[in-house]
Amino acid sequence: MFRDVERGPAFLVECRNTTTHDISTGSDVWTLNRSAIRIDGNDLDDEPRIGPGLTMDIPPGGIWRGIVELRQAAPRTFYAVALGAHVRWPTVVPLQSGRHTIAVRCNGVWSIDMPFYWEQ
């Protein structure tokens, strides 16, 4: 997913539970902090995370979904989760106009770098 949310792109991230046991949607193995996001090949600095709110278990083979928002300014509005996501996570990541890549880490494994374009 790519969407302009308060002057920034947002992405729907899906992570598969590759373990043999249930994992809570609030677990640290999912993409819930800045250190699990890489923009243009650079890991973002970590910052305290806000809890995911209500949680549920993802069974083995199941999919966890989160919306990652790369806002261009401090959030004024916090939107509800949508599109089957378990969490919605806004973070401020200033972007220059042009081509960028994003990668996320789920359950200790980095995704490939996915290209996207941003125009201010």
Protein backbone atom coordinates (compact mmCIF):
# COMPACT_ATOMS: atom_id res chain seq x y z
CA MET A 1 0.00 0.00 0.00
CA PHE A 2 1.18 3.49 -0.71
CA ARG A 3 -0.85 6.39 0.56
CA ASP A 4 -0.26 10.04 1.37
CA VAL A 5 -1.02 10.37 5.09
CA GLU A 6 -0.52 13.86 6.47
CA ARG A 7 2.15 14.63 3.88
CA GLY A 8 3.91 11.29 4.00
CA PRO A 9 3.72 7.82 2.42
CA ALA A 10 2.26 4.83 4.23
CA PHE A 11 2.76 1.14 3.56
CA LEU A 12 0.85 -2.00 4.46
CA VAL A 13 3.36 -4.54 5.78
CA GLU A 14 2.63 -8.26 6.01
CA CYS A 15 4.76 -10.63 8.06
CA ARG A 16 4.26 -14.41 8.21
CA ASN A 17 4.56 -16.32 11.49
CA THR A 18 7.19 -18.87 10.48
CA THR A 19 7.43 -20.41 13.96
CA THR A 20 5.63 -23.47 15.32
CA HIS A 21 3.75 -21.50 18.00
CA ASP A 22 1.31 -18.59 18.28
CA ILE A 23 2.83 -15.08 18.48
CA SER A 24 0.94 -12.11 19.93
CA THR A 25 0.31 -9.16 17.61
CA GLY A 26 1.96 -7.07 20.35
CA SER A 27 5.23 -9.03 20.23
CA ASP A 28 8.54 -7.32 19.41
CA VAL A 29 9.13 -9.75 16.52
CA TRP A 30 6.83 -7.67 14.31
CA THR A 31 7.58 -4.28 12.76
CA LEU A 32 6.75 -2.01 15.69
CA ASN A 33 9.82 0.17 16.05
CA ARG A 34 12.11 2.32 13.95
CA SER A 35 15.03 -0.11 14.17
CA ALA A 36 12.92 -2.52 12.10
CA ILE A 37 12.67 -0.06 9.19
CA ARG A 38 15.39 0.69 6.67
CA ILE A 39 15.08 3.67 4.31
CA ASP A 40 17.53 3.95 1.40
CA GLY A 41 19.72 1.25 2.96
CA ASN A 42 19.98 3.00 6.34
CA ASP A 43 18.43 1.63 9.53
CA LEU A 44 16.36 4.22 11.35
CA ASP A 45 17.40 5.16 14.87
CA ASP A 46 15.26 3.50 17.51
CA GLU A 47 12.80 5.43 19.62
CA PRO A 48 10.32 4.36 22.30
CA ARG A 49 7.34 2.59 20.85
CA ILE A 50 3.68 3.01 21.66
CA GLY A 51 1.91 -0.21 22.52
CA PRO A 52 -0.30 -1.89 19.94
CA GLY A 53 -3.48 -1.66 22.02
CA LEU A 54 -5.70 -4.73 21.78
CA THR A 55 -3.80 -7.88 20.86
CA MET A 56 -4.54 -11.29 19.43
CA ASP A 57 -2.46 -14.35 18.61
CA ILE A 58 -1.17 -15.08 15.11
CA PRO A 59 -1.00 -18.87 14.58
CA PRO A 60 1.88 -20.62 12.81
CA GLY A 61 1.69 -19.75 9.10
CA GLY A 62 -0.64 -16.83 9.86
CA ILE A 63 -0.09 -13.26 8.70
CA TRP A 64 0.50 -10.17 10.86
CA ARG A 65 -0.34 -6.84 9.18
CA GLY A 66 0.79 -3.36 10.12
CA ILE A 67 0.57 0.07 8.54
CA VAL A 68 3.86 1.97 8.62
CA GLU A 69 3.48 5.73 8.07
CA LEU A 70 6.53 7.82 7.15
CA ARG A 71 5.16 11.20 8.15
CA GLN A 72 6.96 14.36 7.16
CA ALA A 73 6.03 16.24 10.35
CA ALA A 74 4.96 15.36 13.88
CA PRO A 75 1.60 13.55 13.82
CA ARG A 76 -1.43 15.71 14.50
CA THR A 77 -3.89 12.92 13.87
CA PHE A 78 -3.76 9.24 14.75
CA TYR A 79 -5.92 7.14 12.47
CA ALA A 80 -7.55 3.84 13.36
CA VAL A 81 -6.17 0.63 11.91
CA ALA A 82 -7.71 -0.39 8.59
CA LEU A 83 -7.32 -2.91 5.76
CA GLY A 84 -7.06 -5.83 8.20
CA ALA A 85 -3.98 -4.36 9.92
CA HIS A 86 -3.30 -5.16 13.57
CA VAL A 87 -1.42 -1.92 14.25
CA ARG A 88 -0.90 1.45 12.64
CA TRP A 89 2.46 2.99 13.38
CA PRO A 90 3.28 6.63 12.49
CA THR A 91 6.87 7.87 12.64
CA VAL A 92 8.52 11.03 11.38
CA VAL A 93 11.00 10.34 8.56
CA PRO A 94 11.75 13.44 6.45
CA LEU A 95 12.15 12.49 2.77
CA GLN A 96 13.55 14.43 -0.16
CA SER A 97 11.69 14.27 -3.45
CA GLY A 98 12.72 11.36 -5.64
CA ARG A 99 13.32 7.63 -5.56
CA HIS A 100 13.70 5.81 -2.23
CA THR A 101 13.66 2.26 -0.93
CA ILE A 102 12.04 0.77 2.14
CA ALA A 103 12.76 -2.56 3.84
CA VAL A 104 11.24 -3.95 7.04
CA ARG A 105 12.40 -6.59 9.49
CA CYS A 106 9.91 -9.20 10.65
CA ASN A 107 10.79 -12.02 12.99
CA GLY A 108 14.49 -11.16 12.60
CA VAL A 109 14.52 -11.30 8.78
CA TRP A 110 14.84 -8.24 6.51
CA SER A 111 12.63 -7.91 3.44
CA ILE A 112 14.08 -6.90 0.09
CA ASP A 113 14.44 -3.18 -0.59
CA MET A 114 11.20 -2.06 -2.23
CA PRO A 115 11.46 1.12 -4.33
CA PHE A 116 8.99 3.99 -4.03
CA TYR A 117 8.91 7.59 -5.19
CA TRP A 118 8.08 10.59 -3.08
CA GLU A 119 7.23 14.10 -4.28
CA GLN A 120 6.95 16.95 -1.76
